[in-house]
Structure formats: structure tokens, C-alpha cells
Amino acid sequence: MRIDPNINFSVLPNASRAIEDANLLHDHGFEVLCHLPMEPEQFPRVSPGTGAVLTSMSDEEIARTTTASLQAVPYARGMNNHMGSRATADRRVMESVLAALPDGMYFIDSRTTGSSVAAAVARERRVRTASRNVFLDDVQSESAVRQQLRELARDAEAHGVAVGIGHMYPATVRVLTSDVPLLRREGFRFVRASEAVR
């Protein structure tokens, strides 16, 4: 939380301390997202955890699951997908997820697959959206994270805004702690997710 006041935190609704963490982040002025568990291609060998949106669910079950996840993360202003390479590529599933979002809530597509239709469906439904440009820490080494952070900066320079997603890995936290002040000095600005969506 000391890295930058505009770094956004996405909280897994099925995490044991989801409510506690969301409350803590909100109390410190951070924007909170619900990190909705969704079905990956490798399911069930790879599991997104309990309460996940699955392609086998009916529209009503998807809506109920999405609503329950949102209720498990107090103060969530938006949502992004946890895993979900199969679910976000399924138009019916994304229609049901996005229809369950309260008015004014945004959806950030983590783009865990190139086949994702999440952002396209969000735009069709007039849900504000953005898509991930760079994963910061697929490789959990400081040099790899630093390289990805520079890639994110290049994307932001080219397009005006870029979305990076990282995790609470020690290497990620160390690189952000050391490099975010350097990026700010170079003129980059971190913004809340609600400012990055269109």
C-alpha cells in the first residue's frame, strides 16, 4: 500500500480474509476490485477455487455466482477475472456475468486468453472496460518483472494508458517499490482502474 496511492487491488472473493482485506484497502483510500474466479481451459485439473463461474452453469447460476462474489468483496468498484481462459472466451457466459454487474461497475479483462470476448461484450453492454496489456510477473524474478514493467511503460507511452496486472509475489513488490518512483520521475502517472476504463 506504500508503493503508490493509485495502485489498484483486486480481492479474491473466496479468499479467507477477503472482507478484512477489502475493508483495510478501502479505509486507506484504495480502489478495490472483485477478482472473480472463472473457469480456465485446464479445468478441472486447474481449479479457480470455490465460487467460480463455470461454463456448465445456467445463466441464472452465473448471475447468482457473480452477485455472491461481489457481495463478498466490500467496496468493489469494478471486477476483473481470475483465471477464466475458457469462461471469458464464451459469449453466453460473459453476457450473464456482465448483466449481473450493478450499474456503474466496470470490468477489466485480465486477458488470460487471446480468445477472450469479455471486453467486446462489455462494450456492447455499455459496461466501461479495459483490457490487460502486460502481465508483470508470469516469471517471478526481479529482472523479468522489471522488464515487463518497462514494457508496460512503453505501452502507456504509445497509447496514453496501459493496464498491468501483477500479484503479491515478493519479486513484484520489490520491483514496484524500487521502480515506481523512477517511473513517476520520468513523467508516468498511476491511475485508478476507474480512470483507465472507457
N, C-alpha and C. Protein backbone atom coordinates (compact mmCIF):
# COMPACT_ATOMS: atom_id res chain seq x y z
N MET A 1 0.82 -1.21 0.00
CA MET A 1 0.00 0.00 0.00
C MET A 1 0.86 1.26 0.00
N ARG A 2 2.14 1.12 0.33
CA ARG A 2 3.01 2.31 0.36
C ARG A 2 3.61 2.64 -1.01
N ILE A 3 3.42 1.78 -2.00
CA ILE A 3 4.08 1.98 -3.29
C ILE A 3 3.51 3.19 -4.03
N ASP A 4 2.20 3.24 -4.19
CA ASP A 4 1.54 4.36 -4.87
C ASP A 4 0.07 4.34 -4.47
N PRO A 5 -0.50 5.52 -4.17
CA PRO A 5 -1.90 5.55 -3.74
C PRO A 5 -2.89 5.14 -4.83
N ASN A 6 -2.43 5.09 -6.09
CA ASN A 6 -3.35 4.73 -7.17
C ASN A 6 -3.13 3.33 -7.71
N ILE A 7 -2.31 2.53 -7.04
CA ILE A 7 -2.26 1.11 -7.41
C ILE A 7 -3.59 0.50 -6.97
N ASN A 8 -4.14 -0.33 -7.84
CA ASN A 8 -5.46 -0.92 -7.58
C ASN A 8 -5.28 -2.33 -7.04
N PHE A 9 -6.16 -2.73 -6.15
CA PHE A 9 -6.11 -4.06 -5.56
C PHE A 9 -7.36 -4.84 -5.93
N SER A 10 -7.15 -6.06 -6.41
CA SER A 10 -8.26 -6.94 -6.75
C SER A 10 -8.28 -8.08 -5.74
N VAL A 11 -9.41 -8.25 -5.08
CA VAL A 11 -9.53 -9.19 -3.96
C VAL A 11 -10.34 -10.41 -4.39
N LEU A 12 -9.76 -11.58 -4.15
CA LEU A 12 -10.48 -12.84 -4.45
C LEU A 12 -11.63 -13.00 -3.46
N PRO A 13 -12.85 -13.16 -3.95
CA PRO A 13 -13.99 -13.30 -3.04
C PRO A 13 -13.95 -14.58 -2.22
N ASN A 14 -13.22 -15.60 -2.72
CA ASN A 14 -13.14 -16.87 -1.98
C ASN A 14 -11.92 -16.93 -1.07
N ALA A 15 -11.21 -15.82 -0.91
CA ALA A 15 -10.06 -15.79 -0.01
C ALA A 15 -10.55 -15.70 1.44
N SER A 16 -9.77 -16.28 2.36
CA SER A 16 -10.22 -16.35 3.76
C SER A 16 -10.34 -14.96 4.39
N ARG A 17 -9.55 -13.99 3.91
CA ARG A 17 -9.58 -12.65 4.51
C ARG A 17 -10.12 -11.60 3.54
N ALA A 18 -10.98 -12.02 2.61
CA ALA A 18 -11.46 -11.10 1.56
C ALA A 18 -12.12 -9.86 2.16
N ILE A 19 -13.03 -10.04 3.10
CA ILE A 19 -13.75 -8.90 3.68
C ILE A 19 -12.79 -8.01 4.45
N GLU A 20 -11.94 -8.62 5.26
CA GLU A 20 -10.96 -7.88 6.05
C GLU A 20 -10.02 -7.07 5.14
N ASP A 21 -9.52 -7.71 4.07
CA ASP A 21 -8.60 -7.02 3.17
C ASP A 21 -9.29 -5.89 2.42
N ALA A 22 -10.50 -6.14 1.92
CA ALA A 22 -11.23 -5.10 1.19
C ALA A 22 -11.51 -3.90 2.09
N ASN A 23 -11.89 -4.17 3.34
CA ASN A 23 -12.14 -3.08 4.29
C ASN A 23 -10.86 -2.29 4.56
N LEU A 24 -9.75 -2.99 4.77
CA LEU A 24 -8.47 -2.34 5.05
C LEU A 24 -8.05 -1.44 3.88
N LEU A 25 -8.15 -1.98 2.67
CA LEU A 25 -7.77 -1.20 1.48
C LEU A 25 -8.66 0.03 1.33
N HIS A 26 -9.94 -0.16 1.49
CA HIS A 26 -10.88 0.96 1.38
C HIS A 26 -10.59 2.03 2.44
N ASP A 27 -10.34 1.58 3.65
CA ASP A 27 -10.04 2.52 4.75
C ASP A 27 -8.79 3.34 4.47
N HIS A 28 -7.86 2.79 3.66
CA HIS A 28 -6.64 3.51 3.31
C HIS A 28 -6.77 4.25 1.97
N GLY A 29 -7.98 4.29 1.43
CA GLY A 29 -8.24 5.10 0.24
C GLY A 29 -7.99 4.43 -1.09
N PHE A 30 -7.80 3.11 -1.10
CA PHE A 30 -7.53 2.42 -2.36
C PHE A 30 -8.82 2.01 -3.06
N GLU A 31 -8.73 1.92 -4.39
CA GLU A 31 -9.85 1.41 -5.16
C GLU A 31 -9.75 -0.12 -5.18
N VAL A 32 -10.86 -0.76 -4.90
CA VAL A 32 -10.91 -2.22 -4.77
C VAL A 32 -11.70 -2.81 -5.92
N LEU A 33 -11.20 -3.92 -6.45
CA LEU A 33 -11.92 -4.70 -7.46
C LEU A 33 -12.21 -6.08 -6.90
N CYS A 34 -13.25 -6.70 -7.44
CA CYS A 34 -13.55 -8.10 -7.15
C CYS A 34 -12.84 -8.94 -8.21
N HIS A 35 -12.01 -9.88 -7.76
CA HIS A 35 -11.22 -10.73 -8.66
C HIS A 35 -12.01 -12.03 -8.87
N LEU A 36 -12.94 -12.01 -9.81
CA LEU A 36 -13.92 -13.08 -9.99
C LEU A 36 -13.27 -14.36 -10.50
N PRO A 37 -13.34 -15.46 -9.72
CA PRO A 37 -12.79 -16.73 -10.21
C PRO A 37 -13.64 -17.26 -11.37
N MET A 38 -12.97 -17.63 -12.45
CA MET A 38 -13.67 -18.12 -13.64
C MET A 38 -12.93 -19.33 -14.22
N GLU A 39 -13.67 -20.13 -14.95
CA GLU A 39 -13.16 -21.41 -15.43
C GLU A 39 -12.01 -21.25 -16.43
N PRO A 40 -10.86 -21.91 -16.15
CA PRO A 40 -9.76 -21.91 -17.11
C PRO A 40 -9.88 -23.08 -18.10
N GLU A 41 -9.09 -23.03 -19.16
CA GLU A 41 -9.08 -24.11 -20.16
C GLU A 41 -8.76 -25.46 -19.53
N GLN A 42 -7.88 -25.48 -18.53
CA GLN A 42 -7.40 -26.75 -17.96
C GLN A 42 -8.32 -27.29 -16.86
N PHE A 43 -9.48 -26.68 -16.66
CA PHE A 43 -10.41 -27.12 -15.62
C PHE A 43 -10.90 -28.52 -15.96
N PRO A 44 -11.04 -29.43 -14.98
CA PRO A 44 -10.90 -29.24 -13.54
C PRO A 44 -9.49 -29.52 -12.99
N ARG A 45 -8.55 -29.89 -13.87
CA ARG A 45 -7.19 -30.14 -13.38
C ARG A 45 -6.62 -28.89 -12.72
N VAL A 46 -6.88 -27.74 -13.33
CA VAL A 46 -6.52 -26.45 -12.73
C VAL A 46 -7.81 -25.82 -12.22
N SER A 47 -7.83 -25.51 -10.93
CA SER A 47 -9.06 -25.01 -10.32
C SER A 47 -8.95 -23.54 -9.94
N PRO A 48 -9.99 -22.75 -10.29
CA PRO A 48 -10.01 -21.35 -9.86
C PRO A 48 -10.48 -21.19 -8.42
N GLY A 49 -10.83 -22.29 -7.78
CA GLY A 49 -11.29 -22.23 -6.39
C GLY A 49 -12.80 -22.25 -6.27
N THR A 50 -13.26 -22.17 -5.05
CA THR A 50 -14.71 -22.24 -4.80
C THR A 50 -15.39 -20.99 -5.32
N GLY A 51 -16.66 -21.15 -5.66
CA GLY A 51 -17.47 -20.00 -6.08
C GLY A 51 -17.12 -19.47 -7.45
N ALA A 52 -16.52 -20.30 -8.30
CA ALA A 52 -16.10 -19.84 -9.63
C ALA A 52 -17.26 -19.90 -10.61
N VAL A 53 -17.20 -19.03 -11.60
CA VAL A 53 -18.13 -19.05 -12.72
C VAL A 53 -17.65 -20.14 -13.69
N LEU A 54 -18.53 -21.10 -13.98
CA LEU A 54 -18.20 -22.22 -14.86
C LEU A 54 -19.07 -22.19 -16.11
N THR A 55 -18.53 -22.67 -17.21
CA THR A 55 -19.28 -22.66 -18.47
C THR A 55 -20.47 -23.64 -18.43
N SER A 56 -20.43 -24.59 -17.50
CA SER A 56 -21.53 -25.55 -17.38
C SER A 56 -22.74 -24.97 -16.65
N MET A 57 -22.60 -23.79 -16.07
CA MET A 57 -23.70 -23.18 -15.31
C MET A 57 -24.75 -22.57 -16.23
N SER A 58 -25.96 -22.51 -15.71
CA SER A 58 -27.02 -21.79 -16.42
C SER A 58 -26.80 -20.29 -16.27
N ASP A 59 -27.52 -19.51 -17.07
CA ASP A 59 -27.41 -18.05 -16.97
C ASP A 59 -27.74 -17.58 -15.55
N GLU A 60 -28.76 -18.18 -14.95
CA GLU A 60 -29.17 -17.79 -13.59
C GLU A 60 -28.08 -18.14 -12.57
N GLU A 61 -27.46 -19.30 -12.72
CA GLU A 61 -26.38 -19.69 -11.80
C GLU A 61 -25.18 -18.75 -11.94
N ILE A 62 -24.87 -18.37 -13.16
CA ILE A 62 -23.76 -17.43 -13.38
C ILE A 62 -24.07 -16.10 -12.71
N ALA A 63 -25.28 -15.61 -12.89
CA ALA A 63 -25.67 -14.33 -12.28
C ALA A 63 -25.59 -14.41 -10.75
N ARG A 64 -26.09 -15.52 -10.18
CA ARG A 64 -26.05 -15.69 -8.72
C ARG A 64 -24.62 -15.76 -8.20
N THR A 65 -23.77 -16.49 -8.92
CA THR A 65 -22.37 -16.65 -8.53
C THR A 65 -21.65 -15.30 -8.59
N THR A 66 -21.89 -14.55 -9.65
CA THR A 66 -21.27 -13.23 -9.81
C THR A 66 -21.71 -12.29 -8.70
N THR A 67 -23.00 -12.28 -8.42
CA THR A 67 -23.54 -11.41 -7.36
C THR A 67 -22.97 -11.79 -6.00
N ALA A 68 -22.89 -13.10 -5.72
CA ALA A 68 -22.35 -13.56 -4.44
C ALA A 68 -20.89 -13.15 -4.30
N SER A 69 -20.13 -13.23 -5.38
CA SER A 69 -18.72 -12.83 -5.33
C SER A 69 -18.60 -11.34 -5.05
N LEU A 70 -19.42 -10.54 -5.69
CA LEU A 70 -19.39 -9.09 -5.46
C LEU A 70 -19.72 -8.77 -4.00
N GLN A 71 -20.69 -9.49 -3.46
CA GLN A 71 -21.09 -9.24 -2.06
C GLN A 71 -20.00 -9.64 -1.07
N ALA A 72 -19.09 -10.53 -1.51
CA ALA A 72 -18.01 -11.00 -0.63
C ALA A 72 -16.83 -10.03 -0.61
N VAL A 73 -16.86 -9.00 -1.48
CA VAL A 73 -15.76 -8.02 -1.55
C VAL A 73 -16.36 -6.63 -1.34
N PRO A 74 -16.42 -6.18 -0.09
CA PRO A 74 -16.99 -4.85 0.17
C PRO A 74 -16.25 -3.76 -0.59
N TYR A 75 -17.00 -2.75 -1.00
CA TYR A 75 -16.47 -1.55 -1.66
C TYR A 75 -15.92 -1.79 -3.06
N ALA A 76 -16.17 -2.97 -3.65
CA ALA A 76 -15.66 -3.21 -5.01
C ALA A 76 -16.29 -2.21 -5.97
N ARG A 77 -15.43 -1.53 -6.72
CA ARG A 77 -15.89 -0.57 -7.73
C ARG A 77 -15.95 -1.21 -9.11
N GLY A 78 -15.20 -2.29 -9.26
CA GLY A 78 -15.14 -2.97 -10.54
C GLY A 78 -14.78 -4.42 -10.34
N MET A 79 -14.58 -5.10 -11.45
CA MET A 79 -14.31 -6.54 -11.41
C MET A 79 -13.30 -6.88 -12.49
N ASN A 80 -12.46 -7.88 -12.21
CA ASN A 80 -11.66 -8.49 -13.27
C ASN A 80 -11.64 -9.98 -13.04
N ASN A 81 -11.23 -10.73 -14.06
CA ASN A 81 -11.30 -12.19 -13.97
C ASN A 81 -10.04 -12.78 -13.39
N HIS A 82 -10.23 -13.78 -12.50
CA HIS A 82 -9.16 -14.64 -12.01
C HIS A 82 -9.21 -15.90 -12.84
N MET A 83 -8.10 -16.22 -13.52
CA MET A 83 -8.08 -17.34 -14.49
C MET A 83 -9.11 -17.01 -15.58
N GLY A 84 -9.96 -17.99 -15.95
CA GLY A 84 -11.07 -17.69 -16.86
C GLY A 84 -10.77 -17.81 -18.34
N SER A 85 -9.69 -18.52 -18.71
CA SER A 85 -9.38 -18.61 -20.15
C SER A 85 -10.51 -19.27 -20.95
N ARG A 86 -11.24 -20.20 -20.34
CA ARG A 86 -12.38 -20.80 -21.04
C ARG A 86 -13.63 -19.94 -20.89
N ALA A 87 -13.89 -19.45 -19.70
CA ALA A 87 -15.13 -18.69 -19.44
C ALA A 87 -15.16 -17.36 -20.19
N THR A 88 -14.03 -16.65 -20.24
CA THR A 88 -14.04 -15.33 -20.90
C THR A 88 -14.10 -15.44 -22.42
N ALA A 89 -13.86 -16.63 -22.95
CA ALA A 89 -13.98 -16.85 -24.40
C ALA A 89 -15.39 -17.26 -24.79
N ASP A 90 -16.26 -17.41 -23.80
CA ASP A 90 -17.64 -17.88 -24.02
C ASP A 90 -18.59 -16.67 -23.94
N ARG A 91 -19.16 -16.29 -25.08
CA ARG A 91 -20.01 -15.10 -25.13
C ARG A 91 -21.20 -15.20 -24.17
N ARG A 92 -21.85 -16.37 -24.12
CA ARG A 92 -23.01 -16.52 -23.24
C ARG A 92 -22.62 -16.29 -21.78
N VAL A 93 -21.50 -16.86 -21.39
CA VAL A 93 -21.04 -16.71 -20.00
C VAL A 93 -20.78 -15.24 -19.70
N MET A 94 -20.07 -14.56 -20.60
CA MET A 94 -19.74 -13.15 -20.35
C MET A 94 -20.98 -12.27 -20.37
N GLU A 95 -21.95 -12.59 -21.21
CA GLU A 95 -23.22 -11.84 -21.21
C GLU A 95 -23.86 -11.93 -19.82
N SER A 96 -23.87 -13.14 -19.24
CA SER A 96 -24.51 -13.35 -17.95
C SER A 96 -23.74 -12.67 -16.82
N VAL A 97 -22.39 -12.75 -16.87
CA VAL A 97 -21.57 -12.09 -15.85
C VAL A 97 -21.81 -10.59 -15.89
N LEU A 98 -21.71 -10.01 -17.07
CA LEU A 98 -21.81 -8.55 -17.20
C LEU A 98 -23.21 -8.04 -16.92
N ALA A 99 -24.22 -8.85 -17.23
CA ALA A 99 -25.60 -8.45 -16.92
C ALA A 99 -25.83 -8.39 -15.42
N ALA A 100 -25.03 -9.15 -14.66
CA ALA A 100 -25.19 -9.19 -13.19
C ALA A 100 -24.47 -8.03 -12.49
N LEU A 101 -23.64 -7.27 -13.22
CA LEU A 101 -22.93 -6.17 -12.58
C LEU A 101 -23.89 -5.02 -12.28
N PRO A 102 -23.79 -4.44 -11.10
CA PRO A 102 -24.60 -3.26 -10.80
C PRO A 102 -24.24 -2.10 -11.73
N ASP A 103 -25.19 -1.20 -11.93
CA ASP A 103 -24.95 -0.02 -12.76
C ASP A 103 -23.72 0.73 -12.27
N GLY A 104 -22.88 1.14 -13.20
CA GLY A 104 -21.71 1.94 -12.85
C GLY A 104 -20.47 1.13 -12.57
N MET A 105 -20.60 -0.18 -12.43
CA MET A 105 -19.43 -1.01 -12.15
C MET A 105 -18.72 -1.32 -13.47
N TYR A 106 -17.39 -1.37 -13.45
CA TYR A 106 -16.61 -1.62 -14.66
C TYR A 106 -16.06 -3.04 -14.63
N PHE A 107 -15.58 -3.50 -15.80
CA PHE A 107 -14.97 -4.83 -15.91
C PHE A 107 -13.64 -4.69 -16.63
N ILE A 108 -12.58 -5.17 -16.00
CA ILE A 108 -11.27 -5.20 -16.64
C ILE A 108 -10.97 -6.64 -17.04
N ASP A 109 -10.73 -6.83 -18.34
CA ASP A 109 -10.43 -8.15 -18.86
C ASP A 109 -8.95 -8.45 -18.60
N SER A 110 -8.69 -9.44 -17.76
CA SER A 110 -7.31 -9.84 -17.47
C SER A 110 -6.63 -10.45 -18.69
N ARG A 111 -7.43 -10.80 -19.70
CA ARG A 111 -6.92 -11.39 -20.96
C ARG A 111 -5.98 -12.57 -20.69
N THR A 112 -6.56 -13.58 -20.05
CA THR A 112 -5.81 -14.81 -19.81
C THR A 112 -5.82 -15.70 -21.05
N THR A 113 -6.54 -15.25 -22.10
CA THR A 113 -6.53 -15.94 -23.39
C THR A 113 -6.72 -14.90 -24.50
N GLY A 114 -6.09 -15.17 -25.63
CA GLY A 114 -6.28 -14.30 -26.79
C GLY A 114 -7.68 -14.41 -27.37
N SER A 115 -8.42 -15.45 -26.96
CA SER A 115 -9.78 -15.67 -27.47
C SER A 115 -10.85 -14.98 -26.63
N SER A 116 -10.45 -14.19 -25.66
CA SER A 116 -11.42 -13.55 -24.77
C SER A 116 -12.37 -12.62 -25.54
N VAL A 117 -13.65 -12.70 -25.18
CA VAL A 117 -14.65 -11.78 -25.74
C VAL A 117 -15.15 -10.82 -24.66
N ALA A 118 -14.53 -10.87 -23.48
CA ALA A 118 -15.04 -10.11 -22.32
C ALA A 118 -15.14 -8.61 -22.61
N ALA A 119 -14.08 -8.01 -23.12
CA ALA A 119 -14.11 -6.56 -23.35
C ALA A 119 -15.10 -6.21 -24.46
N ALA A 120 -15.17 -7.03 -25.51
CA ALA A 120 -16.10 -6.76 -26.60
C ALA A 120 -17.55 -6.81 -26.11
N VAL A 121 -17.86 -7.82 -25.30
CA VAL A 121 -19.22 -7.94 -24.77
C VAL A 121 -19.51 -6.78 -23.80
N ALA A 122 -18.52 -6.41 -23.01
CA ALA A 122 -18.71 -5.28 -22.09
C ALA A 122 -19.04 -4.01 -22.87
N ARG A 123 -18.31 -3.76 -23.96
CA ARG A 123 -18.60 -2.55 -24.76
C ARG A 123 -20.01 -2.61 -25.35
N GLU A 124 -20.40 -3.79 -25.83
CA GLU A 124 -21.75 -3.94 -26.37
C GLU A 124 -22.81 -3.64 -25.32
N ARG A 125 -22.53 -4.01 -24.08
CA ARG A 125 -23.50 -3.81 -22.99
C ARG A 125 -23.32 -2.45 -22.32
N ARG A 126 -22.43 -1.62 -22.85
CA ARG A 126 -22.14 -0.29 -22.31
C ARG A 126 -21.63 -0.36 -20.86
N VAL A 127 -20.86 -1.41 -20.60
CA VAL A 127 -20.13 -1.53 -19.33
C VAL A 127 -18.73 -0.99 -19.59
N ARG A 128 -18.29 -0.02 -18.79
CA ARG A 128 -16.95 0.53 -19.00
C ARG A 128 -15.92 -0.59 -18.82
N THR A 129 -14.91 -0.58 -19.71
CA THR A 129 -13.98 -1.71 -19.73
C THR A 129 -12.59 -1.29 -20.18
N ALA A 130 -11.63 -2.12 -19.88
CA ALA A 130 -10.26 -2.03 -20.39
C ALA A 130 -9.71 -3.44 -20.38
N SER A 131 -8.62 -3.64 -21.10
CA SER A 131 -8.00 -4.97 -21.16
C SER A 131 -6.55 -4.88 -20.71
N ARG A 132 -6.11 -5.95 -20.09
CA ARG A 132 -4.72 -6.04 -19.62
C ARG A 132 -3.77 -5.96 -20.80
N ASN A 133 -2.75 -5.11 -20.69
CA ASN A 133 -1.69 -5.04 -21.69
C ASN A 133 -0.52 -5.95 -21.35
N VAL A 134 -0.14 -5.98 -20.08
CA VAL A 134 1.08 -6.70 -19.67
C VAL A 134 0.83 -7.43 -18.36
N PHE A 135 1.24 -8.71 -18.31
CA PHE A 135 1.35 -9.42 -17.04
C PHE A 135 2.76 -9.15 -16.51
N LEU A 136 2.85 -8.63 -15.32
CA LEU A 136 4.15 -8.24 -14.78
C LEU A 136 4.99 -9.42 -14.31
N ASP A 137 4.33 -10.49 -13.85
CA ASP A 137 5.10 -11.49 -13.12
C ASP A 137 4.77 -12.94 -13.46
N ASP A 138 4.56 -13.20 -14.75
CA ASP A 138 4.45 -14.62 -15.15
C ASP A 138 5.73 -15.34 -14.76
N VAL A 139 6.87 -14.65 -14.87
CA VAL A 139 8.16 -15.17 -14.38
C VAL A 139 8.48 -14.37 -13.12
N GLN A 140 8.63 -15.09 -12.01
CA GLN A 140 8.79 -14.43 -10.71
C GLN A 140 10.25 -14.16 -10.36
N SER A 141 10.89 -13.37 -11.20
CA SER A 141 12.24 -12.91 -10.87
C SER A 141 12.24 -11.40 -11.03
N GLU A 142 13.10 -10.73 -10.27
CA GLU A 142 13.12 -9.27 -10.34
C GLU A 142 13.47 -8.77 -11.73
N SER A 143 14.41 -9.43 -12.39
CA SER A 143 14.80 -8.96 -13.74
C SER A 143 13.64 -9.11 -14.71
N ALA A 144 12.89 -10.20 -14.61
CA ALA A 144 11.75 -10.42 -15.51
C ALA A 144 10.64 -9.42 -15.23
N VAL A 145 10.36 -9.19 -13.95
CA VAL A 145 9.30 -8.23 -13.59
C VAL A 145 9.69 -6.83 -14.05
N ARG A 146 10.96 -6.48 -13.87
CA ARG A 146 11.44 -5.14 -14.29
C ARG A 146 11.30 -4.97 -15.80
N GLN A 147 11.61 -6.02 -16.54
CA GLN A 147 11.48 -5.98 -18.00
C GLN A 147 10.01 -5.79 -18.39
N GLN A 148 9.11 -6.48 -17.71
CA GLN A 148 7.67 -6.36 -18.00
C GLN A 148 7.15 -4.97 -17.63
N LEU A 149 7.64 -4.41 -16.54
CA LEU A 149 7.23 -3.07 -16.12
C LEU A 149 7.65 -2.05 -17.17
N ARG A 150 8.84 -2.23 -17.76
CA ARG A 150 9.30 -1.33 -18.83
C ARG A 150 8.41 -1.49 -20.07
N GLU A 151 7.99 -2.73 -20.34
CA GLU A 151 7.07 -2.98 -21.46
C GLU A 151 5.76 -2.25 -21.23
N LEU A 152 5.28 -2.28 -19.99
CA LEU A 152 4.05 -1.57 -19.64
C LEU A 152 4.22 -0.06 -19.86
N ALA A 153 5.37 0.48 -19.47
CA ALA A 153 5.65 1.90 -19.66
C ALA A 153 5.66 2.25 -21.15
N ARG A 154 6.25 1.38 -21.98
CA ARG A 154 6.27 1.63 -23.43
C ARG A 154 4.85 1.63 -24.00
N ASP A 155 4.02 0.68 -23.53
CA ASP A 155 2.62 0.64 -23.98
C ASP A 155 1.88 1.91 -23.57
N ALA A 156 2.11 2.36 -22.35
CA ALA A 156 1.44 3.58 -21.87
C ALA A 156 1.88 4.78 -22.69
N GLU A 157 3.16 4.82 -23.03
CA GLU A 157 3.69 5.92 -23.83
C GLU A 157 3.04 5.92 -25.22
N ALA A 158 2.88 4.73 -25.78
CA ALA A 158 2.34 4.61 -27.13
C ALA A 158 0.84 4.88 -27.19
N HIS A 159 0.11 4.49 -26.15
CA HIS A 159 -1.36 4.54 -26.21
C HIS A 159 -2.00 5.50 -25.21
N GLY A 160 -1.21 6.12 -24.37
CA GLY A 160 -1.77 7.06 -23.40
C GLY A 160 -2.11 6.42 -22.07
N VAL A 161 -2.51 5.16 -22.11
CA VAL A 161 -2.81 4.41 -20.88
C VAL A 161 -2.55 2.93 -21.15
N ALA A 162 -2.10 2.21 -20.15
CA ALA A 162 -1.87 0.78 -20.27
C ALA A 162 -2.19 0.12 -18.94
N VAL A 163 -2.67 -1.10 -19.02
CA VAL A 163 -3.07 -1.84 -17.82
C VAL A 163 -2.08 -2.98 -17.58
N GLY A 164 -1.48 -2.96 -16.40
CA GLY A 164 -0.59 -4.04 -15.99
C GLY A 164 -1.20 -4.79 -14.83
N ILE A 165 -1.03 -6.09 -14.82
CA ILE A 165 -1.54 -6.92 -13.72
C ILE A 165 -0.38 -7.70 -13.12
N GLY A 166 -0.27 -7.63 -11.81
CA GLY A 166 0.75 -8.38 -11.09
C GLY A 166 0.14 -8.99 -9.84
N HIS A 167 0.95 -9.74 -9.13
CA HIS A 167 0.49 -10.45 -7.94
C HIS A 167 1.33 -10.04 -6.74
N MET A 168 0.94 -10.50 -5.58
CA MET A 168 1.64 -10.13 -4.35
C MET A 168 2.89 -11.01 -4.14
N TYR A 169 3.63 -11.24 -5.22
CA TYR A 169 4.86 -12.01 -5.12
C TYR A 169 5.97 -11.10 -4.59
N PRO A 170 6.88 -11.62 -3.81
CA PRO A 170 7.97 -10.79 -3.28
C PRO A 170 8.74 -10.04 -4.37
N ALA A 171 9.03 -10.71 -5.49
CA ALA A 171 9.80 -10.06 -6.57
C ALA A 171 9.01 -8.88 -7.14
N THR A 172 7.72 -9.05 -7.31
CA THR A 172 6.87 -7.98 -7.87
C THR A 172 6.85 -6.79 -6.93
N VAL A 173 6.65 -7.05 -5.64
CA VAL A 173 6.59 -5.96 -4.66
C VAL A 173 7.93 -5.22 -4.60
N ARG A 174 9.04 -5.96 -4.63
CA ARG A 174 10.36 -5.31 -4.58
C ARG A 174 10.59 -4.42 -5.79
N VAL A 175 10.25 -4.92 -6.99
CA VAL A 175 10.46 -4.13 -8.21
C VAL A 175 9.57 -2.90 -8.22
N LEU A 176 8.30 -3.06 -7.87
CA LEU A 176 7.41 -1.89 -7.85
C LEU A 176 7.89 -0.86 -6.83
N THR A 177 8.33 -1.33 -5.68
CA THR A 177 8.81 -0.41 -4.64
C THR A 177 9.99 0.41 -5.14
N SER A 178 10.91 -0.23 -5.85
CA SER A 178 12.11 0.49 -6.31
C SER A 178 11.87 1.28 -7.59
N ASP A 179 11.02 0.77 -8.51
CA ASP A 179 10.93 1.37 -9.84
C ASP A 179 9.78 2.35 -10.04
N VAL A 180 8.72 2.25 -9.24
CA VAL A 180 7.60 3.19 -9.41
C VAL A 180 8.06 4.64 -9.21
N PRO A 181 8.88 4.95 -8.19
CA PRO A 181 9.35 6.34 -8.07
C PRO A 181 10.15 6.80 -9.30
N LEU A 182 10.91 5.90 -9.91
CA LEU A 182 11.67 6.25 -11.11
C LEU A 182 10.72 6.55 -12.26
N LEU A 183 9.68 5.73 -12.41
CA LEU A 183 8.69 5.96 -13.47
C LEU A 183 7.97 7.29 -13.28
N ARG A 184 7.65 7.60 -12.02
CA ARG A 184 6.98 8.89 -11.75
C ARG A 184 7.90 10.05 -12.15
N ARG A 185 9.19 9.92 -11.86
CA ARG A 185 10.14 10.98 -12.22
C ARG A 185 10.25 11.13 -13.74
N GLU A 186 10.02 10.03 -14.45
CA GLU A 186 10.05 10.08 -15.92
C GLU A 186 8.74 10.64 -16.50
N GLY A 187 7.77 10.92 -15.63
CA GLY A 187 6.52 11.53 -16.10
C GLY A 187 5.34 10.58 -16.18
N PHE A 188 5.55 9.31 -15.80
CA PHE A 188 4.42 8.37 -15.80
C PHE A 188 3.57 8.58 -14.56
N ARG A 189 2.29 8.32 -14.70
CA ARG A 189 1.36 8.54 -13.59
C ARG A 189 0.50 7.28 -13.45
N PHE A 190 0.37 6.81 -12.23
CA PHE A 190 -0.50 5.67 -11.97
C PHE A 190 -1.91 6.21 -11.74
N VAL A 191 -2.90 5.52 -12.29
CA VAL A 191 -4.28 5.97 -12.15
C VAL A 191 -5.14 4.84 -11.62
N ARG A 192 -6.25 5.23 -11.04
CA ARG A 192 -7.21 4.23 -10.58
C ARG A 192 -7.81 3.52 -11.78
N ALA A 193 -8.18 2.27 -11.57
CA ALA A 193 -8.76 1.49 -12.67
C ALA A 193 -9.99 2.19 -13.24
N SER A 194 -10.76 2.87 -12.38
CA SER A 194 -11.96 3.56 -12.86
C SER A 194 -11.63 4.69 -13.83
N GLU A 195 -10.37 5.16 -13.82
CA GLU A 195 -9.93 6.19 -14.78
C GLU A 195 -9.39 5.56 -16.06
N ALA A 196 -9.02 4.29 -16.01
CA ALA A 196 -8.41 3.63 -17.18
C ALA A 196 -9.46 3.01 -18.10
N VAL A 197 -10.67 2.81 -17.58
CA VAL A 197 -11.72 2.17 -18.38
C VAL A 197 -12.42 3.20 -19.26
N ARG A 198 -12.96 2.73 -20.37
CA ARG A 198 -13.71 3.59 -21.30
C ARG A 198 -15.04 2.92 -21.64
